[in-house]
PDB file of N, CA and C in Angstrom:
ATOM      1  N   UNK A   1     -41.506   5.888 -37.484  1.00  0.00           N
ATOM      2  CA  UNK A   1     -40.158   5.387 -37.624  1.00  0.00           C
ATOM      3  C   UNK A   1     -39.223   6.032 -36.616  1.00  0.00           C
ATOM      4  N   UNK A   2     -39.440   7.347 -36.441  1.00  0.00           N
ATOM      5  CA  UNK A   2     -38.602   8.086 -35.508  1.00  0.00           C
ATOM      6  C   UNK A   2     -38.803   7.578 -34.083  1.00  0.00           C
ATOM      7  N   UNK A   3     -40.023   7.255 -33.694  1.00  0.00           N
ATOM      8  CA  UNK A   3     -40.305   6.767 -32.345  1.00  0.00           C
ATOM      9  C   UNK A   3     -39.711   5.379 -32.123  1.00  0.00           C
ATOM     10  N   UNK A   4     -39.659   4.570 -33.166  1.00  0.00           N
ATOM     11  CA  UNK A   4     -39.060   3.238 -33.041  1.00  0.00           C
ATOM     12  C   UNK A   4     -37.560   3.348 -32.793  1.00  0.00           C
ATOM     13  N   UNK A   5     -36.902   4.259 -33.480  1.00  0.00           N
ATOM     14  CA  UNK A   5     -35.459   4.462 -33.302  1.00  0.00           C
ATOM     15  C   UNK A   5     -35.183   5.003 -31.892  1.00  0.00           C
ATOM     16  N   UNK A   6     -35.971   5.959 -31.443  1.00  0.00           N
ATOM     17  CA  UNK A   6     -35.796   6.531 -30.099  1.00  0.00           C
ATOM     18  C   UNK A   6     -36.032   5.446 -29.047  1.00  0.00           C
ATOM     19  N   UNK A   7     -37.067   4.631 -29.224  1.00  0.00           N
ATOM     20  CA  UNK A   7     -37.368   3.551 -28.286  1.00  0.00           C
ATOM     21  C   UNK A   7     -36.231   2.536 -28.254  1.00  0.00           C
ATOM     22  N   UNK A   8     -35.716   2.175 -29.408  1.00  0.00           N
ATOM     23  CA  UNK A   8     -34.593   1.227 -29.473  1.00  0.00           C
ATOM     24  C   UNK A   8     -33.350   1.789 -28.780  1.00  0.00           C
ATOM     25  N   UNK A   9     -33.106   3.070 -28.967  1.00  0.00           N
ATOM     26  CA  UNK A   9     -31.950   3.708 -28.314  1.00  0.00           C
ATOM     27  C   UNK A   9     -32.115   3.704 -26.801  1.00  0.00           C
ATOM     28  N   UNK A  10     -33.293   3.978 -26.316  1.00  0.00           N
ATOM     29  CA  UNK A  10     -33.549   3.981 -24.875  1.00  0.00           C
ATOM     30  C   UNK A  10     -33.377   2.574 -24.299  1.00  0.00           C
ATOM     31  N   UNK A  11     -33.940   1.592 -24.960  1.00  0.00           N
ATOM     32  CA  UNK A  11     -33.824   0.202 -24.496  1.00  0.00           C
ATOM     33  C   UNK A  11     -32.366  -0.247 -24.516  1.00  0.00           C
ATOM     34  N   UNK A  12     -31.659   0.066 -25.579  1.00  0.00           N
ATOM     35  CA  UNK A  12     -30.258  -0.322 -25.696  1.00  0.00           C
ATOM     36  C   UNK A  12     -29.397   0.354 -24.632  1.00  0.00           C
ATOM     37  N   UNK A  13     -29.621   1.646 -24.395  1.00  0.00           N
ATOM     38  CA  UNK A  13     -28.840   2.353 -23.376  1.00  0.00           C
ATOM     39  C   UNK A  13     -29.161   1.828 -21.975  1.00  0.00           C
ATOM     40  N   UNK A  14     -30.414   1.410 -21.737  1.00  0.00           N
ATOM     41  CA  UNK A  14     -30.782   0.820 -20.446  1.00  0.00           C
ATOM     42  C   UNK A  14     -30.046  -0.496 -20.237  1.00  0.00           C
ATOM     43  N   UNK A  15     -29.981  -1.342 -21.246  1.00  0.00           N
ATOM     44  CA  UNK A  15     -29.253  -2.609 -21.142  1.00  0.00           C
ATOM     45  C   UNK A  15     -27.763  -2.375 -20.897  1.00  0.00           C
ATOM     46  N   UNK A  16     -27.191  -1.422 -21.586  1.00  0.00           N
ATOM     47  CA  UNK A  16     -25.762  -1.135 -21.414  1.00  0.00           C
ATOM     48  C   UNK A  16     -25.465  -0.593 -20.021  1.00  0.00           C
ATOM     49  N   UNK A  17     -26.330   0.263 -19.514  1.00  0.00           N
ATOM     50  CA  UNK A  17     -26.119   0.852 -18.191  1.00  0.00           C
ATOM     51  C   UNK A  17     -26.263  -0.194 -17.091  1.00  0.00           C
ATOM     52  N   UNK A  18     -27.212  -1.092 -17.219  1.00  0.00           N
ATOM     53  CA  UNK A  18     -27.409  -2.116 -16.185  1.00  0.00           C
ATOM     54  C   UNK A  18     -26.381  -3.231 -16.285  1.00  0.00           C
ATOM     55  N   UNK A  19     -25.787  -3.428 -17.427  1.00  0.00           N
ATOM     56  CA  UNK A  19     -24.768  -4.473 -17.577  1.00  0.00           C
ATOM     57  C   UNK A  19     -23.538  -4.147 -16.740  1.00  0.00           C
ATOM     58  N   UNK A  20     -23.216  -2.886 -16.602  1.00  0.00           N
ATOM     59  CA  UNK A  20     -22.052  -2.475 -15.817  1.00  0.00           C
ATOM     60  C   UNK A  20     -22.288  -2.615 -14.329  1.00  0.00           C
ATOM     61  N   UNK A  21     -23.520  -2.491 -13.874  1.00  0.00           N
ATOM     62  CA  UNK A  21     -23.815  -2.545 -12.447  1.00  0.00           C
ATOM     63  C   UNK A  21     -24.250  -3.918 -11.979  1.00  0.00           C
ATOM     64  N   UNK A  22     -24.288  -4.887 -12.854  1.00  0.00           N
ATOM     65  CA  UNK A  22     -24.770  -6.202 -12.441  1.00  0.00           C
ATOM     66  C   UNK A  22     -23.708  -7.018 -11.708  1.00  0.00           C
ATOM     67  N   UNK A  23     -22.439  -6.596 -11.754  1.00  0.00           N
ATOM     68  CA  UNK A  23     -21.374  -7.313 -11.057  1.00  0.00           C
ATOM     69  C   UNK A  23     -21.407  -6.922  -9.590  1.00  0.00           C
ATOM     70  N   UNK A  24     -21.379  -7.916  -8.709  1.00  0.00           N
ATOM     71  CA  UNK A  24     -21.414  -7.650  -7.274  1.00  0.00           C
ATOM     72  C   UNK A  24     -20.074  -7.079  -6.808  1.00  0.00           C
ATOM     73  N   UNK A  25     -20.079  -6.110  -5.907  1.00  0.00           N
ATOM     74  CA  UNK A  25     -18.830  -5.519  -5.433  1.00  0.00           C
ATOM     75  C   UNK A  25     -17.946  -6.517  -4.688  1.00  0.00           C
ATOM     76  N   UNK A  26     -18.527  -7.548  -4.077  1.00  0.00           N
ATOM     77  CA  UNK A  26     -17.742  -8.541  -3.347  1.00  0.00           C
ATOM     78  C   UNK A  26     -16.824  -9.337  -4.266  1.00  0.00           C
ATOM     79  N   UNK A  27     -17.157  -9.394  -5.540  1.00  0.00           N
ATOM     80  CA  UNK A  27     -16.358 -10.178  -6.480  1.00  0.00           C
ATOM     81  C   UNK A  27     -14.988  -9.553  -6.714  1.00  0.00           C
ATOM     82  N   UNK A  28     -14.825  -8.276  -6.389  1.00  0.00           N
ATOM     83  CA  UNK A  28     -13.576  -7.580  -6.662  1.00  0.00           C
ATOM     84  C   UNK A  28     -12.694  -7.400  -5.429  1.00  0.00           C
ATOM     85  N   UNK A  29     -13.080  -7.968  -4.291  1.00  0.00           N
ATOM     86  CA  UNK A  29     -12.286  -7.815  -3.082  1.00  0.00           C
ATOM     87  C   UNK A  29     -11.110  -8.784  -3.095  1.00  0.00           C
ATOM     88  N   UNK A  30      -9.979  -8.308  -2.595  1.00  0.00           N
ATOM     89  CA  UNK A  30      -8.774  -9.135  -2.529  1.00  0.00           C
ATOM     90  C   UNK A  30      -8.190  -9.072  -1.128  1.00  0.00           C
ATOM     91  N   UNK A  31      -7.294 -10.013  -0.819  1.00  0.00           N
ATOM     92  CA  UNK A  31      -6.582  -9.985   0.450  1.00  0.00           C
ATOM     93  C   UNK A  31      -5.685  -8.757   0.483  1.00  0.00           C
ATOM     94  N   UNK A  32      -5.598  -8.131   1.651  1.00  0.00           N
ATOM     95  CA  UNK A  32      -4.750  -6.948   1.804  1.00  0.00           C
ATOM     96  C   UNK A  32      -3.648  -7.268   2.806  1.00  0.00           C
ATOM     97  N   UNK A  33      -2.401  -7.191   2.338  1.00  0.00           N
ATOM     98  CA  UNK A  33      -1.244  -7.430   3.185  1.00  0.00           C
ATOM     99  C   UNK A  33      -0.397  -6.164   3.198  1.00  0.00           C
ATOM    100  N   UNK A  34       0.051  -5.778   4.375  1.00  0.00           N
ATOM    101  CA  UNK A  34       0.908  -4.605   4.484  1.00  0.00           C
ATOM    102  C   UNK A  34       2.031  -4.900   5.465  1.00  0.00           C
ATOM    103  N   UNK A  35       3.197  -4.396   5.159  1.00  0.00           N
ATOM    104  CA  UNK A  35       4.326  -4.542   6.071  1.00  0.00           C
ATOM    105  C   UNK A  35       5.226  -5.704   5.702  1.00  0.00           C
ATOM    106  N   UNK A  36       6.004  -6.122   6.685  1.00  0.00           N
ATOM    107  CA  UNK A  36       6.947  -7.223   6.511  1.00  0.00           C
ATOM    108  C   UNK A  36       6.264  -8.533   6.876  1.00  0.00           C
ATOM    109  N   UNK A  37       6.112  -9.427   5.916  1.00  0.00           N
ATOM    110  CA  UNK A  37       5.541 -10.747   6.186  1.00  0.00           C
ATOM    111  C   UNK A  37       6.610 -11.572   6.894  1.00  0.00           C
ATOM    112  N   UNK A  38       6.434 -11.779   8.181  1.00  0.00           N
ATOM    113  CA  UNK A  38       7.425 -12.486   8.983  1.00  0.00           C
ATOM    114  C   UNK A  38       7.091 -13.970   9.022  1.00  0.00           C
ATOM    115  N   UNK A  39       7.989 -14.778   8.494  1.00  0.00           N
ATOM    116  CA  UNK A  39       7.804 -16.224   8.459  1.00  0.00           C
ATOM    117  C   UNK A  39       8.390 -16.835   9.723  1.00  0.00           C
ATOM    118  N   UNK A  40       7.764 -17.897  10.207  1.00  0.00           N
ATOM    119  CA  UNK A  40       8.237 -18.541  11.435  1.00  0.00           C
ATOM    120  C   UNK A  40       9.652 -19.100  11.263  1.00  0.00           C
ATOM    121  N   UNK A  41       9.994 -19.566  10.059  1.00  0.00           N
ATOM    122  CA  UNK A  41      11.357 -20.068   9.811  1.00  0.00           C
ATOM    123  C   UNK A  41      12.381 -18.955  10.012  1.00  0.00           C
ATOM    124  N   UNK A  42      12.069 -17.756   9.503  1.00  0.00           N
ATOM    125  CA  UNK A  42      12.975 -16.621   9.661  1.00  0.00           C
ATOM    126  C   UNK A  42      13.073 -16.180  11.119  1.00  0.00           C
ATOM    127  N   UNK A  43      11.935 -16.199  11.820  1.00  0.00           N
ATOM    128  CA  UNK A  43      11.954 -15.818  13.232  1.00  0.00           C
ATOM    129  C   UNK A  43      12.766 -16.802  14.062  1.00  0.00           C
ATOM    130  N   UNK A  44      12.737 -18.085  13.684  1.00  0.00           N
ATOM    131  CA  UNK A  44      13.530 -19.096  14.398  1.00  0.00           C
ATOM    132  C   UNK A  44      15.021 -18.896  14.165  1.00  0.00           C
ATOM    133  N   UNK A  45      15.391 -18.337  13.022  1.00  0.00           N
ATOM    134  CA  UNK A  45      16.806 -18.077  12.726  1.00  0.00           C
ATOM    135  C   UNK A  45      17.318 -16.820  13.425  1.00  0.00           C
ATOM    136  N   UNK A  46      16.411 -15.968  13.867  1.00  0.00           N
ATOM    137  CA  UNK A  46      16.769 -14.721  14.532  1.00  0.00           C
ATOM    138  C   UNK A  46      17.343 -15.027  15.914  1.00  0.00           C
ATOM    139  N   UNK A  47      18.500 -14.448  16.235  1.00  0.00           N
ATOM    140  CA  UNK A  47      19.104 -14.717  17.537  1.00  0.00           C
ATOM    141  C   UNK A  47      19.855 -13.498  18.049  1.00  0.00           C
ATOM    142  N   UNK A  48      19.946 -13.436  19.364  1.00  0.00           N
ATOM    143  CA  UNK A  48      20.677 -12.361  20.020  1.00  0.00           C
ATOM    144  C   UNK A  48      22.136 -12.441  19.587  1.00  0.00           C
ATOM    145  N   UNK A  49      22.748 -11.293  19.320  1.00  0.00           N
ATOM    146  CA  UNK A  49      24.132 -11.234  18.883  1.00  0.00           C
ATOM    147  C   UNK A  49      24.295 -10.970  17.398  1.00  0.00           C
ATOM    148  N   UNK A  50      23.199 -11.051  16.640  1.00  0.00           N
ATOM    149  CA  UNK A  50      23.267 -10.776  15.204  1.00  0.00           C
ATOM    150  C   UNK A  50      23.482  -9.284  14.977  1.00  0.00           C
ATOM    151  N   UNK A  51      24.149  -8.943  13.889  1.00  0.00           N
ATOM    152  CA  UNK A  51      24.351  -7.537  13.543  1.00  0.00           C
ATOM    153  C   UNK A  51      23.096  -6.996  12.854  1.00  0.00           C
ATOM    154  N   UNK A  52      23.021  -5.667  12.743  1.00  0.00           N
ATOM    155  CA  UNK A  52      21.881  -5.044  12.058  1.00  0.00           C
ATOM    156  C   UNK A  52      21.820  -5.492  10.604  1.00  0.00           C
ATOM    157  N   UNK A  53      22.983  -5.657   9.981  1.00  0.00           N
ATOM    158  CA  UNK A  53      23.023  -6.094   8.588  1.00  0.00           C
ATOM    159  C   UNK A  53      22.479  -7.511   8.446  1.00  0.00           C
ATOM    160  N   UNK A  54      22.832  -8.407   9.365  1.00  0.00           N
ATOM    161  CA  UNK A  54      22.331  -9.782   9.314  1.00  0.00           C
ATOM    162  C   UNK A  54      20.812  -9.820   9.498  1.00  0.00           C
ATOM    163  N   UNK A  55      20.305  -8.998  10.405  1.00  0.00           N
ATOM    164  CA  UNK A  55      18.860  -8.940  10.642  1.00  0.00           C
ATOM    165  C   UNK A  55      18.144  -8.407   9.394  1.00  0.00           C
ATOM    166  N   UNK A  56      18.719  -7.394   8.767  1.00  0.00           N
ATOM    167  CA  UNK A  56      18.123  -6.833   7.553  1.00  0.00           C
ATOM    168  C   UNK A  56      18.087  -7.862   6.437  1.00  0.00           C
ATOM    169  N   UNK A  57      19.147  -8.646   6.297  1.00  0.00           N
ATOM    170  CA  UNK A  57      19.173  -9.697   5.266  1.00  0.00           C
ATOM    171  C   UNK A  57      18.112 -10.751   5.552  1.00  0.00           C
ATOM    172  N   UNK A  58      17.929 -11.088   6.822  1.00  0.00           N
ATOM    173  CA  UNK A  58      16.982 -12.127   7.213  1.00  0.00           C
ATOM    174  C   UNK A  58      15.527 -11.663   7.139  1.00  0.00           C
ATOM    175  N   UNK A  59      15.230 -10.490   7.691  1.00  0.00           N
ATOM    176  CA  UNK A  59      13.835 -10.031   7.809  1.00  0.00           C
ATOM    177  C   UNK A  59      13.459  -8.885   6.877  1.00  0.00           C
ATOM    178  N   UNK A  60      14.442  -8.241   6.279  1.00  0.00           N
ATOM    179  CA  UNK A  60      14.159  -7.081   5.452  1.00  0.00           C
ATOM    180  C   UNK A  60      14.257  -5.804   6.268  1.00  0.00           C
ATOM    181  N   UNK A  61      14.020  -4.700   5.622  1.00  0.00           N
ATOM    182  CA  UNK A  61      14.069  -3.400   6.282  1.00  0.00           C
ATOM    183  C   UNK A  61      12.863  -3.251   7.197  1.00  0.00           C
ATOM    184  N   UNK A  62      13.054  -2.775   8.423  1.00  0.00           N
ATOM    185  CA  UNK A  62      11.913  -2.631   9.338  1.00  0.00           C
ATOM    186  C   UNK A  62      10.930  -1.570   8.865  1.00  0.00           C
ATOM    187  N   UNK A  63       9.669  -1.763   9.218  1.00  0.00           N
ATOM    188  CA  UNK A  63       8.638  -0.794   8.864  1.00  0.00           C
ATOM    189  C   UNK A  63       8.857   0.530   9.588  1.00  0.00           C
ATOM    190  N   UNK A  64       9.290   0.455  10.844  1.00  0.00           N
ATOM    191  CA  UNK A  64       9.421   1.663  11.642  1.00  0.00           C
ATOM    192  C   UNK A  64      10.820   1.745  12.234  1.00  0.00           C
ATOM    193  N   UNK A  65      11.499   2.840  11.935  1.00  0.00           N
ATOM    194  CA  UNK A  65      12.763   3.170  12.582  1.00  0.00           C
ATOM    195  C   UNK A  65      12.535   4.502  13.285  1.00  0.00           C
ATOM    196  N   UNK A  66      12.376   4.434  14.582  1.00  0.00           N
ATOM    197  CA  UNK A  66      12.070   5.613  15.388  1.00  0.00           C
ATOM    198  C   UNK A  66      13.310   6.490  15.508  1.00  0.00           C
ATOM    199  N   UNK A  67      13.185   7.776  15.162  1.00  0.00           N
ATOM    200  CA  UNK A  67      14.338   8.667  15.232  1.00  0.00           C
ATOM    201  C   UNK A  67      14.761   8.934  16.677  1.00  0.00           C
ATOM    202  N   UNK A  68      13.865   8.718  17.620  1.00  0.00           N
ATOM    203  CA  UNK A  68      14.187   8.932  19.025  1.00  0.00           C
ATOM    204  C   UNK A  68      14.798   7.687  19.666  1.00  0.00           C
ATOM    205  N   UNK A  69      14.609   6.536  19.040  1.00  0.00           N
ATOM    206  CA  UNK A  69      15.170   5.273  19.539  1.00  0.00           C
ATOM    207  C   UNK A  69      15.876   4.583  18.372  1.00  0.00           C
ATOM    208  N   UNK A  70      17.087   5.034  18.065  1.00  0.00           N
ATOM    209  CA  UNK A  70      17.803   4.535  16.891  1.00  0.00           C
ATOM    210  C   UNK A  70      18.163   3.054  16.996  1.00  0.00           C
ATOM    211  N   UNK A  71      18.195   2.536  18.213  1.00  0.00           N
ATOM    212  CA  UNK A  71      18.571   1.136  18.406  1.00  0.00           C
ATOM    213  C   UNK A  71      17.355   0.232  18.586  1.00  0.00           C
ATOM    214  N   UNK A  72      16.193   0.704  18.172  1.00  0.00           N
ATOM    215  CA  UNK A  72      14.972  -0.112  18.222  1.00  0.00           C
ATOM    216  C   UNK A  72      14.373  -0.166  16.824  1.00  0.00           C
ATOM    217  N   UNK A  73      14.136  -1.382  16.364  1.00  0.00           N
ATOM    218  CA  UNK A  73      13.490  -1.586  15.065  1.00  0.00           C
ATOM    219  C   UNK A  73      12.151  -2.268  15.304  1.00  0.00           C
ATOM    220  N   UNK A  74      11.107  -1.793  14.626  1.00  0.00           N
ATOM    221  CA  UNK A  74       9.779  -2.393  14.746  1.00  0.00           C
ATOM    222  C   UNK A  74       9.323  -2.920  13.395  1.00  0.00           C
ATOM    223  N   UNK A  75       8.963  -4.185  13.397  1.00  0.00           N
ATOM    224  CA  UNK A  75       8.400  -4.826  12.211  1.00  0.00           C
ATOM    225  C   UNK A  75       6.915  -5.010  12.472  1.00  0.00           C
ATOM    226  N   UNK A  76       6.082  -4.522  11.553  1.00  0.00           N
ATOM    227  CA  UNK A  76       4.634  -4.627  11.686  1.00  0.00           C
ATOM    228  C   UNK A  76       4.084  -5.244  10.414  1.00  0.00           C
ATOM    229  N   UNK A  77       3.207  -6.230  10.577  1.00  0.00           N
ATOM    230  CA  UNK A  77       2.583  -6.894   9.435  1.00  0.00           C
ATOM    231  C   UNK A  77       1.090  -6.995   9.691  1.00  0.00           C
ATOM    232  N   UNK A  78       0.288  -6.552   8.731  1.00  0.00           N
ATOM    233  CA  UNK A  78      -1.163  -6.691   8.849  1.00  0.00           C
ATOM    234  C   UNK A  78      -1.704  -7.485   7.666  1.00  0.00           C
ATOM    235  N   UNK A  79      -2.737  -8.277   7.957  1.00  0.00           N
ATOM    236  CA  UNK A  79      -3.372  -9.089   6.925  1.00  0.00           C
ATOM    237  C   UNK A  79      -4.875  -9.044   7.125  1.00  0.00           C
ATOM    238  N   UNK A  80      -5.576  -8.697   6.043  1.00  0.00           N
ATOM    239  CA  UNK A  80      -7.034  -8.703   6.058  1.00  0.00           C
ATOM    240  C   UNK A  80      -7.504  -9.545   4.884  1.00  0.00           C
ATOM    241  N   UNK A  81      -8.191 -10.632   5.196  1.00  0.00           N
ATOM    242  CA  UNK A  81      -8.695 -11.537   4.155  1.00  0.00           C
ATOM    243  C   UNK A  81      -9.848 -10.877   3.410  1.00  0.00           C
ATOM    244  N   UNK A  82      -9.980 -11.214   2.150  1.00  0.00           N
ATOM    245  CA  UNK A  82     -11.046 -10.654   1.310  1.00  0.00           C
ATOM    246  C   UNK A  82     -12.408 -10.958   1.925  1.00  0.00           C
ATOM    247  N   UNK A  83     -13.214  -9.926   2.085  1.00  0.00           N
ATOM    248  CA  UNK A  83     -14.563 -10.097   2.604  1.00  0.00           C
ATOM    249  C   UNK A  83     -14.636 -10.216   4.118  1.00  0.00           C
ATOM    250  N   UNK A  84     -13.505 -10.224   4.810  1.00  0.00           N
ATOM    251  CA  UNK A  84     -13.493 -10.358   6.266  1.00  0.00           C
ATOM    252  C   UNK A  84     -13.421  -8.986   6.916  1.00  0.00           C
ATOM    253  N   UNK A  85     -13.991  -8.884   8.106  1.00  0.00           N
ATOM    254  CA  UNK A  85     -13.904  -7.636   8.857  1.00  0.00           C
ATOM    255  C   UNK A  85     -12.711  -7.652   9.809  1.00  0.00           C
ATOM    256  N   UNK A  86     -12.160  -8.832  10.069  1.00  0.00           N
ATOM    257  CA  UNK A  86     -11.052  -8.971  11.009  1.00  0.00           C
ATOM    258  C   UNK A  86      -9.717  -8.739  10.322  1.00  0.00           C
ATOM    259  N   UNK A  87      -8.826  -8.064  11.031  1.00  0.00           N
ATOM    260  CA  UNK A  87      -7.474  -7.828  10.552  1.00  0.00           C
ATOM    261  C   UNK A  87      -6.505  -8.437  11.549  1.00  0.00           C
ATOM    262  N   UNK A  88      -5.587  -9.256  11.068  1.00  0.00           N
ATOM    263  CA  UNK A  88      -4.559  -9.828  11.933  1.00  0.00           C
ATOM    264  C   UNK A  88      -3.343  -8.914  11.895  1.00  0.00           C
ATOM    265  N   UNK A  89      -2.793  -8.642  13.058  1.00  0.00           N
ATOM    266  CA  UNK A  89      -1.637  -7.768  13.170  1.00  0.00           C
ATOM    267  C   UNK A  89      -0.531  -8.511  13.891  1.00  0.00           C
ATOM    268  N   UNK A  90       0.665  -8.510  13.315  1.00  0.00           N
ATOM    269  CA  UNK A  90       1.820  -9.107  13.969  1.00  0.00           C
ATOM    270  C   UNK A  90       2.851  -8.009  14.191  1.00  0.00           C
ATOM    271  N   UNK A  91       3.370  -7.955  15.413  1.00  0.00           N
ATOM    272  CA  UNK A  91       4.366  -6.937  15.756  1.00  0.00           C
ATOM    273  C   UNK A  91       5.604  -7.613  16.314  1.00  0.00           C
ATOM    274  N   UNK A  92       6.741  -7.073  15.937  1.00  0.00           N
ATOM    275  CA  UNK A  92       8.029  -7.575  16.419  1.00  0.00           C
ATOM    276  C   UNK A  92       8.925  -6.377  16.669  1.00  0.00           C
ATOM    277  N   UNK A  93       9.483  -6.278  17.869  1.00  0.00           N
ATOM    278  CA  UNK A  93      10.410  -5.193  18.208  1.00  0.00           C
ATOM    279  C   UNK A  93      11.773  -5.790  18.496  1.00  0.00           C
ATOM    280  N   UNK A  94      12.786  -5.193  17.883  1.00  0.00           N
ATOM    281  CA  UNK A  94      14.158  -5.646  18.083  1.00  0.00           C
ATOM    282  C   UNK A  94      14.968  -4.499  18.673  1.00  0.00           C
ATOM    283  N   UNK A  95      15.815  -4.815  19.642  1.00  0.00           N
ATOM    284  CA  UNK A  95      16.638  -3.813  20.313  1.00  0.00           C
ATOM    285  C   UNK A  95      18.110  -4.130  20.084  1.00  0.00           C
ATOM    286  N   UNK A  96      18.872  -3.100  19.753  1.00  0.00           N
ATOM    287  CA  UNK A  96      20.289  -3.252  19.449  1.00  0.00           C
ATOM    288  C   UNK A  96      21.131  -2.421  20.407  1.00  0.00           C
ATOM    289  N   UNK A  97      22.341  -2.896  20.649  1.00  0.00           N
ATOM    290  CA  UNK A  97      23.370  -2.124  21.353  1.00  0.00           C
ATOM    291  C   UNK A  97      24.673  -2.351  20.613  1.00  0.00           C
ATOM    292  N   UNK A  98      25.316  -1.251  20.223  1.00  0.00           N
ATOM    293  CA  UNK A  98      26.577  -1.323  19.476  1.00  0.00           C
ATOM    294  C   UNK A  98      26.462  -2.227  18.250  1.00  0.00           C
ATOM    295  N   UNK A  99      25.386  -2.046  17.478  1.00  0.00           N
ATOM    296  CA  UNK A  99      25.140  -2.777  16.225  1.00  0.00           C
ATOM    297  C   UNK A  99      24.854  -4.274  16.410  1.00  0.00           C
ATOM    298  N   UNK A 100      24.619  -4.718  17.642  1.00  0.00           N
ATOM    299  CA  UNK A 100      24.310  -6.124  17.902  1.00  0.00           C
ATOM    300  C   UNK A 100      22.921  -6.251  18.518  1.00  0.00           C
ATOM    301  N   UNK A 101      22.190  -7.269  18.084  1.00  0.00           N
ATOM    302  CA  UNK A 101      20.852  -7.531  18.606  1.00  0.00           C
ATOM    303  C   UNK A 101      20.962  -8.026  20.050  1.00  0.00           C
ATOM    304  N   UNK A 102      20.258  -7.335  20.968  1.00  0.00           N
ATOM    305  CA  UNK A 102      20.332  -7.713  22.381  1.00  0.00           C
ATOM    306  C   UNK A 102      18.984  -8.173  22.944  1.00  0.00           C
ATOM    307  N   UNK A 103      17.878  -7.819  22.291  1.00  0.00           N
ATOM    308  CA  UNK A 103      16.564  -8.184  22.821  1.00  0.00           C
ATOM    309  C   UNK A 103      15.552  -8.330  21.694  1.00  0.00           C
ATOM    310  N   UNK A 104      14.745  -9.386  21.781  1.00  0.00           N
ATOM    311  CA  UNK A 104      13.652  -9.635  20.836  1.00  0.00           C
ATOM    312  C   UNK A 104      12.358  -9.567  21.636  1.00  0.00           C
ATOM    313  N   UNK A 105      11.429  -8.715  21.201  1.00  0.00           N
ATOM    314  CA  UNK A 105      10.233  -8.474  22.004  1.00  0.00           C
ATOM    315  C   UNK A 105       8.987  -8.386  21.126  1.00  0.00           C
ATOM    316  N   UNK A 106       7.833  -8.659  21.733  1.00  0.00           N
ATOM    317  CA  UNK A 106       6.510  -8.454  21.115  1.00  0.00           C
ATOM    318  C   UNK A 106       6.240  -9.326  19.895  1.00  0.00           C
ATOM    319  N   UNK A 107       6.672 -10.557  19.899  1.00  0.00           N
ATOM    320  CA  UNK A 107       6.302 -11.451  18.802  1.00  0.00           C
ATOM    321  C   UNK A 107       4.882 -11.920  19.112  1.00  0.00           C
ATOM    322  N   UNK A 108       3.900 -11.268  18.470  1.00  0.00           N
ATOM    323  CA  UNK A 108       2.514 -11.617  18.794  1.00  0.00           C
ATOM    324  C   UNK A 108       1.560 -11.230  17.683  1.00  0.00           C
ATOM    325  N   UNK A 109       0.452 -11.950  17.648  1.00  0.00           N
ATOM    326  CA  UNK A 109      -0.645 -11.583  16.762  1.00  0.00           C
ATOM    327  C   UNK A 109      -1.688 -10.883  17.610  1.00  0.00           C
ATOM    328  N   UNK A 110      -2.118  -9.730  17.153  1.00  0.00           N
ATOM    329  CA  UNK A 110      -3.078  -8.930  17.900  1.00  0.00           C
ATOM    330  C   UNK A 110      -4.263  -8.622  16.992  1.00  0.00           C
ATOM    331  N   UNK A 111      -5.478  -8.967  17.403  1.00  0.00           N
ATOM    332  CA  UNK A 111      -6.637  -8.593  16.572  1.00  0.00           C
ATOM    333  C   UNK A 111      -6.819  -7.082  16.607  1.00  0.00           C
ATOM    334  N   UNK A 112      -6.989  -6.494  15.452  1.00  0.00           N
ATOM    335  CA  UNK A 112      -7.162  -5.047  15.342  1.00  0.00           C
ATOM    336  C   UNK A 112      -8.596  -4.680  15.666  1.00  0.00           C
ATOM    337  N   UNK A 113      -8.761  -3.622  16.411  1.00  0.00           N
ATOM    338  CA  UNK A 113     -10.103  -3.172  16.806  1.00  0.00           C
ATOM    339  C   UNK A 113     -10.652  -2.193  15.820  1.00  0.00           C
TER     340      UNK A 113
END
């Protein structure tokens, strides 16, 4: 009787342990987005002469505000699809003079290495 109980416990614990590992790891992967998601409609509304406040309302707070270049704002957005090895990177640099936007640069998608 004792051996039957021990055998049942071993079989039951084996089933329980393998039930947790039977799910494939790929089933739990999700898309990963980081940074400011820049929409083409918002980028089309962006224009030279806008104030920093107007740009912030339109695009949000920039990802990078360089302390050495206070009049340059960098927006960076990365997207990696679930199960993909490729990461899409979008970069946008804005330059200001006297609180007004004077230059829009680096609107591009760059494959990450």
